[in-house]
Amino acid sequence: MNKMIASLTGLWQRIPKAALFAAAILVQCALLVLMVADRMQILREGTEVTLQTQPVDPRDLLRGDYVVLRYDISQVPAGVLAGKSADARNPVVFVKLAPDANGLYAAVSVHAEPVTVTAPEVLIRGRVANYGGSCGSGRRTFCDNLLIKYGLESYFVPEGEGRKLEQARNQQKLRVVAAVLPSGRAAIKRLLLDGEPVYEEPLY
């Protein structure tokens, strides 16, 4: 075993540093391509849902030029999960959404595992936030109300545009159209200001 380790160590040391550096760059590029491809899949194939934003106060000045977003579906009753054991402090949950009379998607129920939905319902995947979703001495029990993050809580905007959109958000004039895959993964597709598109994510 020691000889094998020594042999591998010697082989590693003989590899030019330039080759190792190039390999590291290639790995990083591959990971970046996979991330972009994954997001493209969500935006191209996901079901569109329109979500109402909620005021957020105060503004987080340390986050740069992007809008912090919170939704009607960010806090939902735990329903049948209330008081039950969670598998982690920040468990993954699946929220069933359905459109209301205005076409805005609202939370219907929340589940620890994926459930069957019928169009126009969708199932969106989220994670219970660490500041209000788990209760009990070990923080492993679902509270009566859950704060949930879906990966839709921020959106980068051109420099100087953030404050205008935050004001619209706090006046509840800003809505978000998200794309949701059957797996529950979601991504922001466009922003609506007074019902009109103001920013849209490219599909490539």
N, C-alpha and C. Protein backbone atom coordinates (compact mmCIF):
# COMPACT_ATOMS: atom_id res chain seq x y z
N MET A 1 0.82 -1.21 0.00
CA MET A 1 0.00 0.00 0.00
C MET A 1 0.86 1.26 0.00
N ASN A 2 1.92 1.23 0.84
CA ASN A 2 2.80 2.40 0.92
C ASN A 2 3.49 2.65 -0.42
N LYS A 3 3.86 1.54 -1.10
CA LYS A 3 4.50 1.70 -2.40
C LYS A 3 3.55 2.30 -3.41
N MET A 4 2.27 1.89 -3.35
CA MET A 4 1.29 2.42 -4.28
C MET A 4 1.08 3.91 -4.04
N ILE A 5 0.98 4.30 -2.77
CA ILE A 5 0.81 5.71 -2.43
C ILE A 5 2.01 6.53 -2.91
N ALA A 6 3.21 5.98 -2.67
CA ALA A 6 4.43 6.66 -3.10
C ALA A 6 4.47 6.80 -4.61
N SER A 7 4.02 5.73 -5.32
CA SER A 7 4.01 5.77 -6.78
C SER A 7 3.04 6.84 -7.29
N LEU A 8 1.84 6.89 -6.70
CA LEU A 8 0.85 7.89 -7.10
C LEU A 8 1.34 9.30 -6.80
N THR A 9 1.99 9.46 -5.65
CA THR A 9 2.53 10.77 -5.29
C THR A 9 3.59 11.22 -6.27
N GLY A 10 4.45 10.28 -6.66
CA GLY A 10 5.49 10.61 -7.62
C GLY A 10 4.90 10.98 -8.97
N LEU A 11 3.86 10.23 -9.40
CA LEU A 11 3.21 10.53 -10.67
C LEU A 11 2.57 11.91 -10.64
N TRP A 12 1.92 12.23 -9.52
CA TRP A 12 1.28 13.55 -9.37
C TRP A 12 2.31 14.67 -9.46
N GLN A 13 3.47 14.44 -8.83
CA GLN A 13 4.50 15.47 -8.81
C GLN A 13 5.12 15.67 -10.19
N ARG A 14 5.04 14.66 -11.05
CA ARG A 14 5.63 14.78 -12.38
C ARG A 14 4.71 15.50 -13.37
N ILE A 15 3.43 15.66 -13.00
CA ILE A 15 2.50 16.35 -13.89
C ILE A 15 2.84 17.85 -13.88
N PRO A 16 3.04 18.44 -15.04
CA PRO A 16 3.38 19.87 -15.09
C PRO A 16 2.30 20.73 -14.42
N LYS A 17 2.76 21.76 -13.73
CA LYS A 17 1.80 22.64 -13.06
C LYS A 17 0.86 23.31 -14.05
N ALA A 18 1.37 23.60 -15.23
CA ALA A 18 0.52 24.23 -16.26
C ALA A 18 -0.64 23.31 -16.63
N ALA A 19 -0.37 22.00 -16.69
CA ALA A 19 -1.43 21.04 -17.03
C ALA A 19 -2.47 20.98 -15.92
N LEU A 20 -2.02 21.00 -14.67
CA LEU A 20 -2.95 20.98 -13.54
C LEU A 20 -3.81 22.25 -13.54
N PHE A 21 -3.19 23.37 -13.83
CA PHE A 21 -3.91 24.64 -13.87
C PHE A 21 -4.96 24.61 -14.98
N ALA A 22 -4.58 24.08 -16.15
CA ALA A 22 -5.52 23.99 -17.27
C ALA A 22 -6.67 23.06 -16.94
N ALA A 23 -6.36 21.95 -16.27
CA ALA A 23 -7.42 21.00 -15.89
C ALA A 23 -8.40 21.65 -14.91
N ALA A 24 -7.88 22.43 -13.98
CA ALA A 24 -8.75 23.11 -13.00
C ALA A 24 -9.67 24.10 -13.70
N ILE A 25 -9.13 24.81 -14.69
CA ILE A 25 -9.94 25.77 -15.45
C ILE A 25 -11.04 25.05 -16.22
N LEU A 26 -10.67 23.91 -16.84
CA LEU A 26 -11.65 23.14 -17.60
C LEU A 26 -12.78 22.63 -16.71
N VAL A 27 -12.43 22.18 -15.50
CA VAL A 27 -13.46 21.71 -14.56
C VAL A 27 -14.40 22.84 -14.19
N GLN A 28 -13.85 24.02 -13.90
CA GLN A 28 -14.67 25.17 -13.54
C GLN A 28 -15.57 25.58 -14.70
N CYS A 29 -15.04 25.56 -15.92
CA CYS A 29 -15.85 25.90 -17.09
C CYS A 29 -16.98 24.90 -17.28
N ALA A 30 -16.67 23.62 -17.08
CA ALA A 30 -17.69 22.58 -17.23
C ALA A 30 -18.81 22.77 -16.22
N LEU A 31 -18.44 23.09 -14.98
CA LEU A 31 -19.45 23.34 -13.95
C LEU A 31 -20.31 24.54 -14.30
N LEU A 32 -19.69 25.59 -14.82
CA LEU A 32 -20.43 26.78 -15.22
C LEU A 32 -21.40 26.46 -16.35
N VAL A 33 -20.94 25.69 -17.34
CA VAL A 33 -21.81 25.30 -18.45
C VAL A 33 -23.00 24.49 -17.94
N LEU A 34 -22.76 23.58 -17.00
CA LEU A 34 -23.85 22.77 -16.44
C LEU A 34 -24.87 23.65 -15.71
N MET A 35 -24.38 24.64 -14.97
CA MET A 35 -25.29 25.55 -14.26
C MET A 35 -26.15 26.34 -15.24
N VAL A 36 -25.51 26.85 -16.31
CA VAL A 36 -26.25 27.61 -17.31
C VAL A 36 -27.27 26.72 -18.02
N ALA A 37 -26.86 25.50 -18.36
CA ALA A 37 -27.77 24.57 -19.04
C ALA A 37 -28.95 24.22 -18.16
N ASP A 38 -28.70 24.04 -16.87
CA ASP A 38 -29.78 23.72 -15.94
C ASP A 38 -30.79 24.85 -15.86
N ARG A 39 -30.29 26.08 -15.78
CA ARG A 39 -31.20 27.23 -15.72
C ARG A 39 -31.96 27.39 -17.04
N MET A 40 -31.28 27.15 -18.17
CA MET A 40 -31.96 27.22 -19.46
C MET A 40 -33.11 26.22 -19.53
N GLN A 41 -32.88 25.02 -18.99
CA GLN A 41 -33.93 24.00 -19.02
C GLN A 41 -35.15 24.46 -18.24
N ILE A 42 -34.91 25.05 -17.06
CA ILE A 42 -36.03 25.53 -16.26
C ILE A 42 -36.80 26.61 -17.01
N LEU A 43 -36.09 27.58 -17.58
CA LEU A 43 -36.75 28.70 -18.25
C LEU A 43 -37.48 28.25 -19.51
N ARG A 44 -36.92 27.28 -20.23
CA ARG A 44 -37.53 26.83 -21.48
C ARG A 44 -38.71 25.89 -21.24
N GLU A 45 -38.58 24.99 -20.28
CA GLU A 45 -39.55 23.92 -20.12
C GLU A 45 -40.50 24.11 -18.94
N GLY A 46 -40.19 25.02 -18.04
CA GLY A 46 -41.00 25.18 -16.84
C GLY A 46 -42.35 25.83 -17.12
N THR A 47 -43.33 25.48 -16.30
CA THR A 47 -44.65 26.10 -16.34
C THR A 47 -44.56 27.50 -15.73
N GLU A 48 -45.12 28.49 -16.40
CA GLU A 48 -45.07 29.86 -15.90
C GLU A 48 -46.11 30.07 -14.80
N VAL A 49 -45.67 30.65 -13.70
CA VAL A 49 -46.58 31.03 -12.62
C VAL A 49 -46.29 32.48 -12.25
N THR A 50 -47.32 33.25 -12.02
CA THR A 50 -47.17 34.66 -11.64
C THR A 50 -47.36 34.78 -10.14
N LEU A 51 -46.39 35.40 -9.48
CA LEU A 51 -46.38 35.50 -8.02
C LEU A 51 -46.43 36.96 -7.59
N GLN A 52 -47.24 37.22 -6.57
CA GLN A 52 -47.32 38.56 -6.00
C GLN A 52 -46.19 38.76 -4.99
N THR A 53 -45.47 39.88 -5.13
CA THR A 53 -44.42 40.18 -4.17
C THR A 53 -45.00 40.91 -2.97
N GLN A 54 -44.25 40.89 -1.88
CA GLN A 54 -44.63 41.55 -0.64
C GLN A 54 -43.56 42.55 -0.24
N PRO A 55 -43.91 43.58 0.54
CA PRO A 55 -42.90 44.55 0.99
C PRO A 55 -41.78 43.88 1.78
N VAL A 56 -40.58 44.41 1.63
CA VAL A 56 -39.42 43.96 2.39
C VAL A 56 -38.79 45.19 3.00
N ASP A 57 -38.58 45.16 4.30
CA ASP A 57 -38.04 46.32 4.99
C ASP A 57 -37.16 45.83 6.14
N PRO A 58 -35.95 46.38 6.30
CA PRO A 58 -35.38 47.47 5.52
C PRO A 58 -34.61 46.96 4.30
N ARG A 59 -34.16 47.86 3.46
CA ARG A 59 -33.33 47.52 2.31
C ARG A 59 -31.96 47.05 2.80
N ASP A 60 -31.48 45.97 2.23
CA ASP A 60 -30.17 45.44 2.59
C ASP A 60 -29.13 46.07 1.67
N LEU A 61 -28.43 47.06 2.18
CA LEU A 61 -27.48 47.81 1.36
C LEU A 61 -26.22 47.02 1.04
N LEU A 62 -26.00 45.91 1.72
CA LEU A 62 -24.78 45.15 1.50
C LEU A 62 -24.89 44.18 0.34
N ARG A 63 -26.06 44.08 -0.26
CA ARG A 63 -26.27 43.06 -1.27
C ARG A 63 -26.02 43.54 -2.69
N GLY A 64 -25.60 44.75 -2.86
CA GLY A 64 -25.30 45.22 -4.19
C GLY A 64 -26.54 45.66 -4.92
N ASP A 65 -26.45 45.68 -6.27
CA ASP A 65 -27.54 46.22 -7.06
C ASP A 65 -28.49 45.12 -7.50
N TYR A 66 -29.20 44.55 -6.55
CA TYR A 66 -30.27 43.64 -6.92
C TYR A 66 -31.42 43.77 -5.92
N VAL A 67 -32.58 43.35 -6.39
CA VAL A 67 -33.80 43.51 -5.62
C VAL A 67 -34.02 42.28 -4.74
N VAL A 68 -34.28 42.51 -3.48
CA VAL A 68 -34.63 41.43 -2.56
C VAL A 68 -36.13 41.20 -2.66
N LEU A 69 -36.53 39.96 -2.85
CA LEU A 69 -37.92 39.64 -3.11
C LEU A 69 -38.52 38.73 -2.04
N ARG A 70 -39.75 39.01 -1.73
CA ARG A 70 -40.54 38.19 -0.81
C ARG A 70 -41.93 38.07 -1.43
N TYR A 71 -42.59 36.94 -1.19
CA TYR A 71 -43.83 36.65 -1.88
C TYR A 71 -44.96 36.30 -0.91
N ASP A 72 -46.17 36.30 -1.47
CA ASP A 72 -47.31 35.79 -0.68
C ASP A 72 -47.05 34.35 -0.25
N ILE A 73 -46.34 33.59 -1.10
CA ILE A 73 -46.09 32.18 -0.79
C ILE A 73 -44.85 31.97 0.07
N SER A 74 -44.21 33.06 0.51
CA SER A 74 -43.01 32.93 1.35
C SER A 74 -43.35 32.45 2.75
N GLN A 75 -44.55 32.68 3.20
CA GLN A 75 -44.98 32.20 4.52
C GLN A 75 -46.32 31.50 4.35
N VAL A 76 -46.35 30.23 4.67
CA VAL A 76 -47.56 29.44 4.47
C VAL A 76 -47.87 28.62 5.72
N PRO A 77 -49.15 28.33 5.98
CA PRO A 77 -49.50 27.44 7.08
C PRO A 77 -48.94 26.05 6.84
N ALA A 78 -48.46 25.42 7.88
CA ALA A 78 -47.86 24.09 7.74
C ALA A 78 -48.91 23.02 7.45
N GLY A 79 -50.15 23.28 7.80
CA GLY A 79 -51.20 22.30 7.53
C GLY A 79 -50.94 20.98 8.22
N VAL A 80 -50.98 19.89 7.46
CA VAL A 80 -50.81 18.56 8.05
C VAL A 80 -49.39 18.33 8.57
N LEU A 81 -48.43 19.18 8.17
CA LEU A 81 -47.06 19.01 8.67
C LEU A 81 -46.86 19.59 10.06
N ALA A 82 -47.74 20.45 10.50
CA ALA A 82 -47.57 21.13 11.79
C ALA A 82 -47.39 20.12 12.93
N GLY A 83 -46.31 20.31 13.69
CA GLY A 83 -46.04 19.45 14.82
C GLY A 83 -45.35 18.15 14.48
N LYS A 84 -45.20 17.84 13.19
CA LYS A 84 -44.55 16.60 12.80
C LYS A 84 -43.04 16.77 12.77
N SER A 85 -42.33 15.66 12.84
CA SER A 85 -40.88 15.70 12.83
C SER A 85 -40.37 16.04 11.44
N ALA A 86 -39.33 16.87 11.39
CA ALA A 86 -38.67 17.22 10.13
C ALA A 86 -37.36 16.44 10.05
N ASP A 87 -36.89 16.19 8.83
CA ASP A 87 -35.66 15.40 8.67
C ASP A 87 -34.40 16.25 8.79
N ALA A 88 -34.57 17.56 8.96
CA ALA A 88 -33.42 18.46 9.09
C ALA A 88 -33.90 19.77 9.70
N ARG A 89 -32.97 20.63 10.07
CA ARG A 89 -33.36 21.94 10.59
C ARG A 89 -33.94 22.82 9.50
N ASN A 90 -33.51 22.61 8.28
CA ASN A 90 -34.01 23.37 7.13
C ASN A 90 -34.52 22.39 6.08
N PRO A 91 -35.62 21.71 6.38
CA PRO A 91 -36.07 20.64 5.49
C PRO A 91 -36.57 21.15 4.14
N VAL A 92 -36.42 20.32 3.13
CA VAL A 92 -37.01 20.59 1.82
C VAL A 92 -38.50 20.29 1.89
N VAL A 93 -39.31 21.16 1.32
CA VAL A 93 -40.75 20.94 1.26
C VAL A 93 -41.23 21.24 -0.15
N PHE A 94 -42.44 20.79 -0.45
CA PHE A 94 -43.06 21.00 -1.74
C PHE A 94 -44.41 21.67 -1.53
N VAL A 95 -44.57 22.84 -2.16
CA VAL A 95 -45.78 23.63 -1.97
C VAL A 95 -46.63 23.54 -3.23
N LYS A 96 -47.88 23.13 -3.04
CA LYS A 96 -48.81 23.08 -4.17
C LYS A 96 -49.37 24.48 -4.38
N LEU A 97 -49.28 24.97 -5.62
CA LEU A 97 -49.77 26.30 -5.98
C LEU A 97 -50.92 26.16 -6.97
N ALA A 98 -51.86 27.10 -6.89
CA ALA A 98 -52.95 27.14 -7.86
C ALA A 98 -53.31 28.60 -8.11
N PRO A 99 -53.74 28.93 -9.33
CA PRO A 99 -54.07 30.33 -9.64
C PRO A 99 -55.39 30.75 -9.01
N ASP A 100 -55.45 32.02 -8.58
CA ASP A 100 -56.71 32.57 -8.07
C ASP A 100 -57.46 33.23 -9.21
N ALA A 101 -58.51 33.97 -8.86
CA ALA A 101 -59.35 34.60 -9.88
C ALA A 101 -58.59 35.64 -10.70
N ASN A 102 -57.50 36.18 -10.13
CA ASN A 102 -56.69 37.19 -10.83
C ASN A 102 -55.51 36.58 -11.58
N GLY A 103 -55.41 35.27 -11.57
CA GLY A 103 -54.30 34.61 -12.26
C GLY A 103 -53.02 34.55 -11.46
N LEU A 104 -53.07 35.00 -10.21
CA LEU A 104 -51.89 34.93 -9.34
C LEU A 104 -51.87 33.59 -8.63
N TYR A 105 -50.69 32.98 -8.58
CA TYR A 105 -50.59 31.67 -7.94
C TYR A 105 -50.44 31.82 -6.42
N ALA A 106 -51.24 31.05 -5.70
CA ALA A 106 -51.24 31.08 -4.24
C ALA A 106 -51.00 29.68 -3.71
N ALA A 107 -50.52 29.61 -2.48
CA ALA A 107 -50.24 28.31 -1.85
C ALA A 107 -51.54 27.62 -1.47
N VAL A 108 -51.64 26.35 -1.80
CA VAL A 108 -52.80 25.54 -1.45
C VAL A 108 -52.47 24.64 -0.26
N SER A 109 -51.31 24.00 -0.32
CA SER A 109 -50.89 23.09 0.74
C SER A 109 -49.39 22.90 0.66
N VAL A 110 -48.82 22.37 1.74
CA VAL A 110 -47.38 22.13 1.79
C VAL A 110 -47.14 20.68 2.20
N HIS A 111 -46.10 20.07 1.60
CA HIS A 111 -45.87 18.63 1.78
C HIS A 111 -44.38 18.35 1.96
N ALA A 112 -44.09 17.28 2.67
CA ALA A 112 -42.70 16.88 2.88
C ALA A 112 -42.15 16.13 1.68
N GLU A 113 -43.03 15.57 0.86
CA GLU A 113 -42.65 14.82 -0.33
C GLU A 113 -43.46 15.32 -1.52
N PRO A 114 -42.99 15.08 -2.75
CA PRO A 114 -43.77 15.48 -3.91
C PRO A 114 -45.13 14.80 -3.94
N VAL A 115 -46.14 15.53 -4.38
CA VAL A 115 -47.49 14.99 -4.52
C VAL A 115 -47.97 15.25 -5.95
N THR A 116 -48.99 14.53 -6.34
CA THR A 116 -49.54 14.68 -7.68
C THR A 116 -50.35 15.97 -7.77
N VAL A 117 -50.17 16.71 -8.85
CA VAL A 117 -50.95 17.92 -9.08
C VAL A 117 -51.59 17.83 -10.45
N THR A 118 -52.68 18.58 -10.63
CA THR A 118 -53.40 18.61 -11.90
C THR A 118 -53.38 20.03 -12.43
N ALA A 119 -53.02 20.21 -13.69
CA ALA A 119 -52.96 21.55 -14.30
C ALA A 119 -54.30 22.25 -14.11
N PRO A 120 -54.26 23.56 -13.75
CA PRO A 120 -53.10 24.46 -13.78
C PRO A 120 -52.30 24.49 -12.47
N GLU A 121 -52.52 23.55 -11.57
CA GLU A 121 -51.73 23.51 -10.35
C GLU A 121 -50.27 23.18 -10.68
N VAL A 122 -49.36 23.66 -9.84
CA VAL A 122 -47.95 23.29 -9.96
C VAL A 122 -47.41 22.98 -8.57
N LEU A 123 -46.31 22.27 -8.55
CA LEU A 123 -45.64 21.95 -7.29
C LEU A 123 -44.28 22.60 -7.32
N ILE A 124 -44.02 23.48 -6.36
CA ILE A 124 -42.75 24.20 -6.31
C ILE A 124 -41.95 23.73 -5.10
N ARG A 125 -40.66 23.56 -5.31
CA ARG A 125 -39.76 23.06 -4.27
C ARG A 125 -39.15 24.22 -3.51
N GLY A 126 -39.12 24.10 -2.20
CA GLY A 126 -38.50 25.14 -1.38
C GLY A 126 -37.82 24.52 -0.17
N ARG A 127 -37.19 25.37 0.60
CA ARG A 127 -36.54 24.91 1.82
C ARG A 127 -36.98 25.81 2.97
N VAL A 128 -37.37 25.19 4.07
CA VAL A 128 -37.81 25.94 5.24
C VAL A 128 -36.66 26.78 5.76
N ALA A 129 -36.90 28.07 5.96
CA ALA A 129 -35.85 28.98 6.41
C ALA A 129 -35.47 28.67 7.85
N ASN A 130 -34.25 29.02 8.20
CA ASN A 130 -33.75 28.68 9.53
C ASN A 130 -34.19 29.65 10.60
N TYR A 131 -35.08 30.58 10.25
CA TYR A 131 -35.51 31.55 11.26
C TYR A 131 -37.03 31.56 11.39
N GLY A 132 -37.63 30.39 11.40
CA GLY A 132 -39.06 30.40 11.65
C GLY A 132 -39.82 29.22 11.10
N GLY A 133 -39.14 28.17 10.65
CA GLY A 133 -39.86 27.06 10.08
C GLY A 133 -39.82 25.80 10.91
N SER A 134 -38.81 25.68 11.78
CA SER A 134 -38.68 24.48 12.58
C SER A 134 -38.72 24.84 14.06
N CYS A 135 -39.39 23.98 14.82
CA CYS A 135 -39.63 24.26 16.24
C CYS A 135 -39.13 23.10 17.08
N GLY A 136 -39.42 23.18 18.39
CA GLY A 136 -39.05 22.12 19.30
C GLY A 136 -37.64 22.29 19.82
N SER A 137 -37.27 21.48 20.81
CA SER A 137 -35.98 21.63 21.46
C SER A 137 -34.83 21.36 20.50
N GLY A 138 -35.02 20.45 19.55
CA GLY A 138 -33.96 20.16 18.60
C GLY A 138 -34.16 20.85 17.28
N ARG A 139 -35.15 21.73 17.20
CA ARG A 139 -35.46 22.46 15.96
C ARG A 139 -35.72 21.50 14.82
N ARG A 140 -36.33 20.36 15.12
CA ARG A 140 -36.59 19.34 14.10
C ARG A 140 -38.09 19.04 13.99
N THR A 141 -38.92 20.00 14.37
CA THR A 141 -40.37 19.84 14.28
C THR A 141 -40.95 21.01 13.49
N PHE A 142 -41.89 20.72 12.59
CA PHE A 142 -42.50 21.77 11.79
C PHE A 142 -43.36 22.69 12.66
N CYS A 143 -43.17 24.01 12.51
CA CYS A 143 -44.01 24.99 13.20
C CYS A 143 -45.39 25.05 12.54
N ASP A 144 -46.28 25.83 13.14
CA ASP A 144 -47.62 25.99 12.57
C ASP A 144 -47.57 26.77 11.26
N ASN A 145 -46.62 27.72 11.17
CA ASN A 145 -46.43 28.51 9.96
C ASN A 145 -44.98 28.38 9.51
N LEU A 146 -44.78 28.25 8.21
CA LEU A 146 -43.45 28.02 7.69
C LEU A 146 -42.99 29.17 6.82
N LEU A 147 -41.76 29.62 7.07
CA LEU A 147 -41.10 30.57 6.18
C LEU A 147 -40.28 29.76 5.19
N ILE A 148 -40.55 29.94 3.91
CA ILE A 148 -39.96 29.07 2.90
C ILE A 148 -39.22 29.91 1.85
N LYS A 149 -38.05 29.44 1.46
CA LYS A 149 -37.28 30.07 0.39
C LYS A 149 -37.26 29.13 -0.81
N TYR A 150 -37.44 29.72 -2.00
CA TYR A 150 -37.56 28.94 -3.23
C TYR A 150 -36.41 29.17 -4.19
N GLY A 151 -35.43 29.97 -3.80
CA GLY A 151 -34.37 30.34 -4.73
C GLY A 151 -34.80 31.45 -5.67
N LEU A 152 -35.88 32.15 -5.30
CA LEU A 152 -36.42 33.24 -6.11
C LEU A 152 -36.36 34.56 -5.34
N GLU A 153 -35.50 34.63 -4.33
CA GLU A 153 -35.55 35.75 -3.39
C GLU A 153 -34.67 36.94 -3.78
N SER A 154 -34.02 36.90 -4.93
CA SER A 154 -33.23 38.05 -5.36
C SER A 154 -33.17 38.08 -6.87
N TYR A 155 -33.00 39.29 -7.40
CA TYR A 155 -32.92 39.45 -8.85
C TYR A 155 -32.00 40.61 -9.18
N PHE A 156 -30.96 40.32 -9.94
CA PHE A 156 -30.01 41.37 -10.32
C PHE A 156 -30.61 42.28 -11.38
N VAL A 157 -30.38 43.57 -11.22
CA VAL A 157 -30.92 44.57 -12.15
C VAL A 157 -29.80 45.53 -12.55
N PRO A 158 -30.00 46.28 -13.65
CA PRO A 158 -28.98 47.27 -14.04
C PRO A 158 -28.72 48.28 -12.93
N GLU A 159 -27.52 48.80 -12.91
CA GLU A 159 -27.13 49.76 -11.88
C GLU A 159 -28.11 50.93 -11.84
N GLY A 160 -28.56 51.26 -10.64
CA GLY A 160 -29.46 52.38 -10.45
C GLY A 160 -30.93 52.05 -10.57
N GLU A 161 -31.26 50.81 -10.98
CA GLU A 161 -32.66 50.44 -11.17
C GLU A 161 -33.27 49.79 -9.93
N GLY A 162 -32.43 49.36 -9.00
CA GLY A 162 -32.92 48.62 -7.85
C GLY A 162 -33.90 49.38 -6.98
N ARG A 163 -33.60 50.65 -6.70
CA ARG A 163 -34.45 51.42 -5.79
C ARG A 163 -35.87 51.58 -6.36
N LYS A 164 -35.96 51.84 -7.68
CA LYS A 164 -37.28 52.01 -8.30
C LYS A 164 -38.11 50.73 -8.17
N LEU A 165 -37.47 49.60 -8.41
CA LEU A 165 -38.19 48.33 -8.32
C LEU A 165 -38.54 47.98 -6.88
N GLU A 166 -37.68 48.34 -5.94
CA GLU A 166 -38.00 48.08 -4.54
C GLU A 166 -39.19 48.92 -4.08
N GLN A 167 -39.26 50.16 -4.57
CA GLN A 167 -40.42 50.99 -4.24
C GLN A 167 -41.69 50.38 -4.81
N ALA A 168 -41.61 49.89 -6.04
CA ALA A 168 -42.77 49.23 -6.66
C ALA A 168 -43.13 47.96 -5.88
N ARG A 169 -42.12 47.22 -5.45
CA ARG A 169 -42.36 46.01 -4.65
C ARG A 169 -43.08 46.35 -3.36
N ASN A 170 -42.62 47.39 -2.67
CA ASN A 170 -43.23 47.76 -1.40
C ASN A 170 -44.63 48.33 -1.56
N GLN A 171 -44.96 48.79 -2.78
CA GLN A 171 -46.31 49.24 -3.08
C GLN A 171 -47.15 48.12 -3.69
N GLN A 172 -46.56 46.91 -3.72
CA GLN A 172 -47.19 45.71 -4.26
C GLN A 172 -47.61 45.88 -5.73
N LYS A 173 -46.79 46.65 -6.47
CA LYS A 173 -47.01 46.81 -7.90
C LYS A 173 -46.09 45.91 -8.73
N LEU A 174 -45.21 45.19 -8.04
CA LEU A 174 -44.24 44.33 -8.71
C LEU A 174 -44.65 42.87 -8.58
N ARG A 175 -44.69 42.18 -9.70
CA ARG A 175 -44.99 40.75 -9.71
C ARG A 175 -43.87 40.02 -10.44
N VAL A 176 -43.73 38.76 -10.12
CA VAL A 176 -42.68 37.94 -10.70
C VAL A 176 -43.31 36.76 -11.43
N VAL A 177 -42.85 36.53 -12.65
CA VAL A 177 -43.24 35.32 -13.39
C VAL A 177 -42.08 34.34 -13.26
N ALA A 178 -42.36 33.20 -12.65
CA ALA A 178 -41.35 32.17 -12.46
C ALA A 178 -41.68 30.97 -13.33
N ALA A 179 -40.65 30.24 -13.74
CA ALA A 179 -40.82 28.99 -14.47
C ALA A 179 -40.57 27.85 -13.49
N VAL A 180 -41.48 26.87 -13.48
CA VAL A 180 -41.39 25.76 -12.52
C VAL A 180 -41.44 24.44 -13.27
N LEU A 181 -40.43 23.61 -13.06
CA LEU A 181 -40.39 22.28 -13.67
C LEU A 181 -41.24 21.30 -12.86
N PRO A 182 -41.62 20.17 -13.44
CA PRO A 182 -42.36 19.16 -12.68
C PRO A 182 -41.63 18.69 -11.42
N SER A 183 -40.30 18.77 -11.42
CA SER A 183 -39.53 18.38 -10.24
C SER A 183 -39.67 19.39 -9.10
N GLY A 184 -40.22 20.59 -9.42
CA GLY A 184 -40.38 21.62 -8.41
C GLY A 184 -39.32 22.70 -8.46
N ARG A 185 -38.25 22.48 -9.23
CA ARG A 185 -37.22 23.51 -9.34
C ARG A 185 -37.75 24.71 -10.10
N ALA A 186 -37.37 25.90 -9.66
CA ALA A 186 -37.93 27.12 -10.24
C ALA A 186 -36.86 28.17 -10.47
N ALA A 187 -37.15 29.09 -11.37
CA ALA A 187 -36.26 30.21 -11.65
C ALA A 187 -37.10 31.39 -12.10
N ILE A 188 -36.62 32.61 -11.80
CA ILE A 188 -37.32 33.82 -12.23
C ILE A 188 -37.18 33.98 -13.73
N LYS A 189 -38.30 34.20 -14.41
CA LYS A 189 -38.30 34.35 -15.86
C LYS A 189 -38.45 35.81 -16.28
N ARG A 190 -39.33 36.55 -15.59
CA ARG A 190 -39.48 37.98 -15.90
C ARG A 190 -40.09 38.70 -14.71
N LEU A 191 -39.91 40.03 -14.71
CA LEU A 191 -40.53 40.91 -13.72
C LEU A 191 -41.63 41.71 -14.40
N LEU A 192 -42.74 41.90 -13.70
CA LEU A 192 -43.85 42.70 -14.20
C LEU A 192 -44.05 43.90 -13.30
N LEU A 193 -44.09 45.07 -13.90
CA LEU A 193 -44.37 46.30 -13.15
C LEU A 193 -45.70 46.84 -13.64
N ASP A 194 -46.67 46.90 -12.74
CA ASP A 194 -48.04 47.28 -13.12
C ASP A 194 -48.55 46.41 -14.27
N GLY A 195 -48.18 45.14 -14.25
CA GLY A 195 -48.66 44.20 -15.24
C GLY A 195 -47.87 44.16 -16.53
N GLU A 196 -46.89 45.06 -16.70
CA GLU A 196 -46.10 45.11 -17.92
C GLU A 196 -44.69 44.57 -17.68
N PRO A 197 -44.16 43.76 -18.61
CA PRO A 197 -42.80 43.22 -18.44
C PRO A 197 -41.77 44.34 -18.41
N VAL A 198 -40.85 44.28 -17.44
CA VAL A 198 -39.77 45.26 -17.36
C VAL A 198 -38.40 44.61 -17.49
N TYR A 199 -38.27 43.37 -17.07
CA TYR A 199 -37.03 42.61 -17.23
C TYR A 199 -37.39 41.18 -17.57
N GLU A 200 -36.65 40.60 -18.50
CA GLU A 200 -36.89 39.21 -18.88
C GLU A 200 -35.57 38.49 -19.04
N GLU A 201 -35.52 37.28 -18.51
CA GLU A 201 -34.31 36.47 -18.61
C GLU A 201 -34.20 35.89 -20.01
N PRO A 202 -33.01 35.96 -20.63
CA PRO A 202 -32.82 35.30 -21.93
C PRO A 202 -32.89 33.80 -21.79
N LEU A 203 -33.33 33.11 -22.83
CA LEU A 203 -33.46 31.66 -22.78
C LEU A 203 -32.20 30.94 -23.23
N TYR A 204 -31.11 31.68 -23.34
CA TYR A 204 -29.84 31.06 -23.77
C TYR A 204 -28.70 31.62 -22.96
